[in-house]
Protein backbone atom coordinates (compact mmCIF):
# COMPACT_ATOMS: atom_id res chain seq x y z
CA UNK A 1 -25.86 12.00 -6.50
CA UNK A 2 -24.36 9.64 -4.21
CA UNK A 3 -24.98 10.11 -0.43
CA UNK A 4 -23.13 9.62 2.46
CA UNK A 5 -22.87 6.33 4.12
CA UNK A 6 -21.43 4.38 7.43
CA UNK A 7 -21.39 1.69 8.01
CA UNK A 8 -19.06 -1.04 10.59
CA UNK A 9 -15.96 -1.63 7.99
CA UNK A 10 -16.16 1.83 5.98
CA UNK A 11 -17.76 5.19 4.73
CA UNK A 12 -18.23 6.47 2.22
CA UNK A 13 -17.89 10.29 1.34
CA UNK A 14 -20.94 11.45 -1.03
CA UNK A 15 -20.03 13.41 -3.97
CA UNK A 16 -20.95 14.20 -7.64
CA UNK A 17 -21.45 11.13 -9.62
CA UNK A 18 -20.55 13.35 -13.49
CA UNK A 19 -17.71 14.77 -11.11
CA UNK A 20 -15.04 12.26 -13.33
CA UNK A 21 -12.92 11.04 -10.04
CA UNK A 22 -13.65 8.12 -7.24
CA UNK A 23 -11.38 8.76 -4.42
CA UNK A 24 -10.28 5.99 -2.90
CA UNK A 25 -8.64 5.31 0.92
CA UNK A 26 -7.83 0.92 1.74
CA UNK A 27 -5.93 1.74 4.70
CA UNK A 28 -7.77 5.19 6.05
CA UNK A 29 -8.62 3.61 10.21
CA UNK A 30 -6.05 1.87 12.56
CA UNK A 31 -9.28 1.62 14.66
CA UNK A 32 -10.35 -1.78 15.16
CA UNK A 33 -14.31 -3.26 16.33
CA UNK A 34 -15.40 -4.17 19.65
CA UNK A 35 -14.81 -7.48 20.44
CA UNK A 36 -10.99 -7.31 19.54
CA UNK A 37 -9.07 -5.83 21.69
CA UNK A 38 -5.52 -4.90 20.38
CA UNK A 39 -5.07 -7.87 19.19
CA UNK A 40 -1.97 -7.86 21.96
CA UNK A 41 -0.24 -5.52 20.01
CA UNK A 42 0.77 -2.31 22.50
CA UNK A 43 -1.29 0.83 22.00
CA UNK A 44 2.31 2.46 20.15
CA UNK A 45 1.75 -0.06 17.31
CA UNK A 46 -1.47 1.80 15.48
CA UNK A 47 0.66 4.08 15.29
CA UNK A 48 2.71 2.98 13.38
CA UNK A 49 2.18 2.16 8.79
CA UNK A 50 1.94 -0.97 10.08
CA UNK A 51 -1.84 -0.57 11.32
CA UNK A 52 -2.82 2.36 9.23
CA UNK A 53 -1.78 5.03 6.10
CA UNK A 54 -0.90 8.01 8.61
CA UNK A 55 -1.80 10.65 6.57
CA UNK A 56 -4.55 9.16 3.29
CA UNK A 57 -7.95 9.37 5.70
CA UNK A 58 -7.73 13.65 6.31
CA UNK A 59 -6.01 13.71 2.55
CA UNK A 60 -8.55 11.73 1.13
CA UNK A 61 -11.64 13.65 2.69
CA UNK A 62 -9.62 16.97 1.66
CA UNK A 63 -10.15 15.91 -1.78
CA UNK A 64 -12.97 14.62 -2.10
CA UNK A 65 -14.18 18.52 -0.61
CA UNK A 66 -12.57 21.02 -2.82
CA UNK A 67 -13.42 17.71 -5.73
CA UNK A 68 -16.93 17.19 -5.13
CA UNK A 69 -15.48 13.62 -5.57
CA UNK A 70 -17.38 10.22 -4.10
CA UNK A 71 -15.09 8.43 -1.77
CA UNK A 72 -14.74 4.78 -0.44
CA UNK A 73 -12.62 4.81 3.30
CA UNK A 74 -12.36 1.98 4.95
CA UNK A 75 -12.98 2.70 8.98
CA UNK A 76 -10.37 -0.35 10.69
CA UNK A 77 -7.47 -1.49 10.41
CA UNK A 78 -5.21 -3.04 8.00
CA UNK A 79 -4.11 -5.79 11.20
CA UNK A 80 -7.91 -6.83 11.57
CA UNK A 81 -7.65 -7.70 7.75
CA UNK A 82 -6.16 -5.70 4.37
CA UNK A 83 -8.66 -4.77 1.72
CA UNK A 84 -5.87 -3.76 -0.84
CA UNK A 85 -5.45 -7.60 -0.94
CA UNK A 86 -7.32 -10.78 -2.94
CA UNK A 87 -9.40 -12.99 -0.16
CA UNK A 88 -6.98 -15.71 -1.16
CA UNK A 89 -3.71 -13.46 -0.69
CA UNK A 90 -1.64 -15.36 2.23
CA UNK A 91 -1.27 -11.48 3.34
CA UNK A 92 -4.41 -10.99 3.62
CA UNK A 93 -4.33 -10.90 7.63
CA UNK A 94 -0.64 -10.54 8.78
CA UNK A 95 0.61 -12.45 11.43
CA UNK A 96 3.94 -10.88 10.72
CA UNK A 97 4.39 -6.72 9.82
CA UNK A 98 7.54 -4.46 9.70
CA UNK A 99 8.88 -6.89 12.92
CA UNK A 100 5.83 -6.56 14.96
CA UNK A 101 4.46 -10.65 15.96
CA UNK A 102 0.48 -10.01 15.85
CA UNK A 103 -0.68 -12.21 18.31
CA UNK A 104 -4.26 -12.16 17.91
CA UNK A 105 -3.95 -13.32 13.89
CA UNK A 106 -2.03 -16.66 14.95
CA UNK A 107 -3.19 -19.96 14.41
CA UNK A 108 -6.64 -17.74 12.82
CA UNK A 109 -9.50 -20.90 12.70
CA UNK A 110 -10.73 -20.33 9.76
CA UNK A 111 -14.74 -19.22 10.65
CA UNK A 112 -12.65 -15.66 12.37
CA UNK A 113 -11.20 -15.71 9.01
CA UNK A 114 -14.42 -16.18 6.51
CA UNK A 115 -15.81 -13.58 9.80
CA UNK A 116 -13.51 -11.39 9.00
CA UNK A 117 -13.80 -11.88 5.03
CA UNK A 118 -17.39 -11.27 5.04
CA UNK A 119 -18.47 -8.56 7.77
CA UNK A 120 -15.43 -6.32 6.67
CA UNK A 121 -13.53 -6.65 3.64
CA UNK A 122 -16.45 -7.32 1.25
CA UNK A 123 -18.89 -5.28 2.52
CA UNK A 124 -15.77 -2.36 1.84
CA UNK A 125 -15.76 -3.73 -1.84
CA UNK A 126 -19.66 -3.87 -2.20
CA UNK A 127 -19.23 -0.21 -1.20
CA UNK A 128 -16.77 0.95 -3.97
CA UNK A 129 -18.66 -1.72 -6.46
CA UNK A 130 -22.01 0.11 -5.72
CA UNK A 131 -19.83 4.28 -6.25
CA UNK A 132 -18.64 2.49 -9.28
CA UNK A 133 -21.99 1.54 -11.37
CA UNK A 134 -24.00 4.93 -10.04
CA UNK A 135 -20.82 7.45 -11.59
CA UNK A 136 -19.79 5.02 -15.04
CA UNK A 137 -23.34 6.37 -16.57
CA UNK A 138 -21.63 9.60 -17.00
CA UNK A 139 -20.85 10.85 -20.20
CA UNK A 140 -17.15 10.44 -18.83
CA UNK A 141 -15.97 8.09 -17.85
CA UNK A 142 -14.47 8.24 -14.34
CA UNK A 143 -10.99 8.21 -12.89
CA UNK A 144 -10.67 6.52 -9.84
CA UNK A 145 -6.82 7.48 -7.84
CA UNK A 146 -6.84 5.16 -4.66
CA UNK A 147 -4.66 6.96 -1.96
CA UNK A 148 -2.07 6.00 -0.22
CA UNK A 149 1.47 7.02 1.82
CA UNK A 150 4.66 5.45 2.39
CA UNK A 151 6.97 5.08 4.82
CA UNK A 152 9.65 7.98 4.99
CA UNK A 153 12.47 4.92 5.44
CA UNK A 154 12.16 1.70 4.72
CA UNK A 155 14.76 -1.03 6.87
CA UNK A 156 17.07 1.77 7.20
CA UNK A 157 17.52 2.89 3.41
CA UNK A 158 15.78 6.12 3.26
CA UNK A 159 12.99 7.33 0.59
CA UNK A 160 13.90 10.41 -1.40
CA UNK A 161 10.62 10.38 -3.39
CA UNK A 162 8.07 12.81 -1.39
CA UNK A 163 5.10 11.85 -3.04
CA UNK A 164 5.15 8.25 -5.66
CA UNK A 165 2.52 7.43 -8.66
CA UNK A 166 2.10 3.68 -9.10
CA UNK A 167 0.58 2.33 -11.72
CA UNK A 168 0.69 -0.95 -14.18
CA UNK A 169 -1.66 -1.67 -17.42
CA UNK A 170 -3.82 2.10 -17.79
CA UNK A 171 -0.07 4.70 -18.04
CA UNK A 172 -2.46 7.85 -18.95
CA UNK A 173 -3.43 9.20 -16.07
CA UNK A 174 -0.20 8.58 -14.06
CA UNK A 175 1.71 9.43 -16.81
CA UNK A 176 -0.74 13.30 -16.69
CA UNK A 177 0.32 13.42 -12.67
CA UNK A 178 4.12 12.22 -13.14
CA UNK A 179 3.45 15.40 -15.52
CA UNK A 180 2.34 17.23 -13.16
CA UNK A 181 3.97 16.26 -9.97
CA UNK A 182 7.49 17.30 -12.19
CA UNK A 183 6.52 20.63 -12.96
CA UNK A 184 7.69 21.77 -9.40
CA UNK A 185 11.28 20.97 -9.58
CA UNK A 186 11.45 21.22 -6.09
CA UNK A 187 10.07 17.81 -5.28
CA UNK A 188 11.17 14.22 -5.95
CA UNK A 189 8.82 12.39 -7.63
CA UNK A 190 8.64 8.20 -7.99
CA UNK A 191 7.34 6.89 -11.03
CA UNK A 192 6.56 2.75 -9.77
CA UNK A 193 8.95 2.84 -7.13
CA UNK A 194 9.44 1.96 -3.73
CA UNK A 195 7.50 -0.76 -5.50
CA UNK A 196 4.96 -1.73 -8.69
CA UNK A 197 1.40 -0.86 -8.87
CA UNK A 198 -1.12 -3.64 -10.03
CA UNK A 199 -0.95 -6.49 -7.14
CA UNK A 200 -3.01 -9.29 -8.15
CA UNK A 201 -6.51 -8.63 -6.73
CA UNK A 202 -5.96 -6.08 -5.07
CA UNK A 203 -8.68 -2.94 -5.00
CA UNK A 204 -7.84 -1.00 -8.65
CA UNK A 205 -7.08 -5.47 -9.60
CA UNK A 206 -11.16 -5.61 -8.53
CA UNK A 207 -12.57 -2.73 -9.84
CA UNK A 208 -11.00 -0.47 -12.19
CA UNK A 209 -9.73 -3.25 -14.61
CA UNK A 210 -13.15 -4.51 -14.80
CA UNK A 211 -14.73 -1.53 -15.92
CA UNK A 212 -11.19 -0.32 -18.35
CA UNK A 213 -11.65 2.88 -16.12
CA UNK A 214 -8.44 4.64 -15.92
CA UNK A 215 -6.73 4.08 -12.29
CA UNK A 216 -3.66 4.93 -10.21
CA UNK A 217 -2.82 4.73 -6.67
CA UNK A 218 -0.75 8.22 -5.52
CA UNK A 219 1.85 7.56 -2.48
CA UNK A 220 2.82 9.91 -0.19
CA UNK A 221 5.50 10.33 2.01
CA UNK A 222 4.65 9.47 5.84
CA UNK A 223 6.77 12.33 7.38
CA UNK A 224 6.05 14.33 5.00
CA UNK A 225 1.67 14.03 5.96
CA UNK A 226 1.96 13.47 9.29
CA UNK A 227 0.25 16.23 10.86
CA UNK A 228 -3.26 18.42 9.41
CA UNK A 229 -0.66 21.62 7.59
CA UNK A 230 0.84 18.55 5.57
CA UNK A 231 -2.53 16.78 4.59
CA UNK A 232 -4.18 20.46 3.42
CA UNK A 233 -1.08 21.04 1.35
CA UNK A 234 -0.69 18.19 0.17
CA UNK A 235 -4.25 17.76 -0.43
CA UNK A 236 -4.49 20.91 -2.42
CA UNK A 237 -1.45 21.07 -4.21
CA UNK A 238 -2.80 17.43 -5.65
CA UNK A 239 -6.50 18.94 -6.30
CA UNK A 240 -5.06 21.44 -8.19
CA UNK A 241 -3.82 19.03 -10.35
CA UNK A 242 -6.32 17.19 -10.74
CA UNK A 243 -8.46 19.73 -11.63
CA UNK A 244 -6.17 20.41 -14.67
CA UNK A 245 -6.25 16.66 -15.49
CA UNK A 246 -9.73 16.16 -15.46
CA UNK A 247 -10.99 19.92 -17.51
CA UNK A 248 -8.15 18.41 -20.32
CA UNK A 249 -10.51 15.04 -20.25
CA UNK A 250 -13.17 17.29 -20.00
CA UNK A 251 -11.85 19.52 -23.48
CA UNK A 252 -10.94 16.62 -25.32
CA UNK A 253 -14.22 14.35 -24.60
CA UNK A 254 -16.23 13.62 -28.21
CA UNK A 255 -20.50 12.81 -27.80
CA UNK A 256 -20.40 9.46 -28.90
CA UNK A 257 -21.95 10.03 -31.66
CA UNK A 258 -18.86 11.41 -32.85
CA UNK A 259 -16.97 8.97 -31.90
CA UNK A 260 -18.24 6.17 -34.27
CA UNK A 261 -18.63 8.67 -37.43
CA UNK A 262 -14.86 9.68 -36.70
CA UNK A 263 -12.32 9.27 -39.31
CA UNK A 264 -10.02 7.60 -38.81
CA UNK A 265 -6.77 9.61 -36.46
CA UNK A 266 -3.38 10.70 -38.19
CA UNK A 267 -0.58 8.57 -36.41
CA UNK A 268 1.74 9.36 -34.00
CA UNK A 269 4.04 12.35 -34.46
CA UNK A 270 7.76 12.10 -33.74
CA UNK A 271 7.18 13.49 -29.69
CA UNK A 272 4.45 11.90 -29.34
CA UNK A 273 5.99 8.48 -30.33
CA UNK A 274 8.71 9.39 -28.39
CA UNK A 275 6.61 9.61 -25.54
CA UNK A 276 5.28 5.65 -26.80
CA UNK A 277 8.78 5.00 -26.14
CA UNK A 278 9.41 6.08 -23.00
CA UNK A 279 5.58 4.90 -22.20
CA UNK A 280 6.91 0.94 -22.59
CA UNK A 281 10.64 0.97 -21.38
CA UNK A 282 8.41 2.53 -18.35
CA UNK A 283 6.41 -0.69 -18.60
CA UNK A 284 9.51 -3.27 -18.89
CA UNK A 285 11.37 -1.50 -15.80
CA UNK A 286 7.73 -2.30 -14.22
CA UNK A 287 7.11 -5.95 -15.02
CA UNK A 288 10.91 -6.71 -14.94
CA UNK A 289 10.74 -5.31 -10.85
CA UNK A 290 7.75 -7.40 -10.22
CA UNK A 291 9.75 -10.56 -11.56
CA UNK A 292 12.20 -10.99 -9.40
CA UNK A 293 12.09 -14.39 -9.56
CA UNK A 294 13.18 -14.39 -13.37
CA UNK A 295 16.92 -14.46 -13.23
CA UNK A 296 19.17 -11.98 -15.39
CA UNK A 297 21.44 -15.64 -16.33
CA UNK A 298 18.19 -16.44 -17.25
CA UNK A 299 17.28 -12.95 -19.52
CA UNK A 300 20.59 -13.82 -21.39
CA UNK A 301 20.60 -16.56 -21.90
CA UNK A 302 17.13 -16.58 -23.65
CA UNK A 303 16.93 -13.34 -25.19
CA UNK A 304 20.67 -12.30 -24.94
CA UNK A 305 20.08 -9.50 -22.92
CA UNK A 306 19.28 -7.96 -18.99
CA UNK A 307 18.42 -5.92 -16.84
CA UNK A 308 22.04 -4.58 -17.01
CA UNK A 309 22.16 -4.21 -20.19
CA UNK A 310 19.00 -2.07 -20.27
CA UNK A 311 20.79 0.14 -17.04
CA UNK A 312 23.67 0.10 -19.34
CA UNK A 313 21.95 1.42 -22.70
CA UNK A 314 20.26 4.06 -20.20
CA UNK A 315 23.67 4.81 -19.12
CA UNK A 316 24.59 5.53 -22.46
CA UNK A 317 21.44 7.80 -23.64
CA UNK A 318 22.06 10.01 -21.16
CA UNK A 319 25.15 10.48 -21.77
CA UNK A 320 24.07 11.42 -25.33
CA UNK A 321 22.36 14.03 -23.75
CA UNK A 322 25.02 15.64 -22.09
CA UNK A 323 23.87 13.88 -19.21
CA UNK A 324 26.06 12.46 -16.22
CA UNK A 325 24.76 8.99 -14.67
CA UNK A 326 26.59 6.75 -13.36
CA UNK A 327 26.46 2.87 -13.75
CA UNK A 328 24.93 2.51 -10.27
CA UNK A 329 21.96 5.26 -10.93
CA UNK A 330 21.50 3.92 -13.88
CA UNK A 331 20.92 0.40 -12.56
CA UNK A 332 19.04 1.33 -9.16
CA UNK A 333 16.49 2.78 -11.69
CA UNK A 334 16.62 -0.24 -13.37
CA UNK A 335 16.43 -2.61 -9.71
CA UNK A 336 14.36 -0.37 -8.39
CA UNK A 337 16.50 -0.36 -5.53
CA UNK A 338 20.83 -0.15 -5.34
CA UNK A 339 22.41 -3.30 -7.17
CA UNK A 340 23.97 -4.73 -4.16
CA UNK A 341 20.72 -5.51 -2.24
CA UNK A 342 19.08 -6.71 -5.45
CA UNK A 343 21.54 -9.47 -5.66
CA UNK A 344 21.17 -9.95 -2.02
CA UNK A 345 17.72 -10.29 -1.31
CA UNK A 346 17.23 -12.40 -5.06
CA UNK A 347 20.05 -12.86 -7.28
CA UNK A 348 20.25 -16.63 -6.71
CA UNK A 349 23.29 -18.96 -7.75
CA UNK A 350 23.75 -19.96 -10.95
CA UNK A 351 23.95 -23.76 -12.16
CA UNK A 352 26.36 -25.26 -14.06
CA UNK A 353 23.76 -25.93 -17.14
CA UNK A 354 23.81 -21.43 -17.09
CA UNK A 355 26.36 -21.06 -16.25
CA UNK A 356 27.15 -24.10 -20.02
CA UNK A 357 24.41 -22.06 -21.57
CA UNK A 358 26.11 -18.99 -21.02
CA UNK A 359 28.98 -19.83 -22.01
CA UNK A 360 27.64 -21.71 -25.48
CA UNK A 361 25.87 -18.56 -26.32
CA UNK A 362 28.28 -15.96 -25.87
CA UNK A 363 25.55 -12.90 -25.40
CA UNK A 364 27.01 -9.58 -25.09
CA UNK A 365 25.11 -6.47 -24.81
CA UNK A 366 26.88 -5.89 -21.35
């Protein structure tokens, strides 16, 4: 059993080590420790997403209570230091966040940067690792769910997703969460949007990947979880889903001795093969979304296809199933945003050498 614990930069909600789950909340608080005043910001800025993930702490607390799962939450604002970043990440301590200049973070001495790391950042990650270490000896490896929330719009563009699941290497937990949430036809559920999971150095990178533990990030849209009613509604909905996932994992788990002597499993059937291929497609799309530095013309010159080709194939596959998916919708699915927005943000002019290689190769498939 993990006990409750409160420190300056984090708090642990106690829970069972054999629960099969660990909850994390990296952006739980909008508070600043004594001595930092307001970092030079207006009080209203601390009610925005730049200071914390609205609703995430309450949902994490509710999930921990319902599931009996241990949880680790931060106690200082991400404006002071962001624990969901690597120590060498330039956004670890933000000087500018969504239009707000943060005076208290500008021209920061190295000594103050190191002080925040040692006093708030490292203790949080040490607490997470202690909880992970305590839960790993259990017969069933724990899954790690990181609870976040996203704004309802970004730079004037509305986000349609009620909830989104982010993932990188391990798709198993994400797939189960996506399937369960999408069982409700009234929900719009995002898959690695509005951004892909797997930021180098983030909390899951530090604590789930090294131990090869199933993990995912869940993002709730903030306008849906801004009050107590929405927080309880989404926490209870998520708890029901997680209970089913944990029960299914428990039923499928076998004793270690039996696993060692079990005969090889047969290859995947047709339906499973389709699921595997779909998972590979999702991972490819997520990878391309993260590699905005790679231009389409480079892909065409080297591999004979690009993001637009992938969009066309997606549209053609939908048409074969009798589904009406427009060209713009297909491209938005692959790019993670409207194509024109991607072009404006990331597309660069092709060099003469790139154009010559494109013309010489005569690539097809657009």
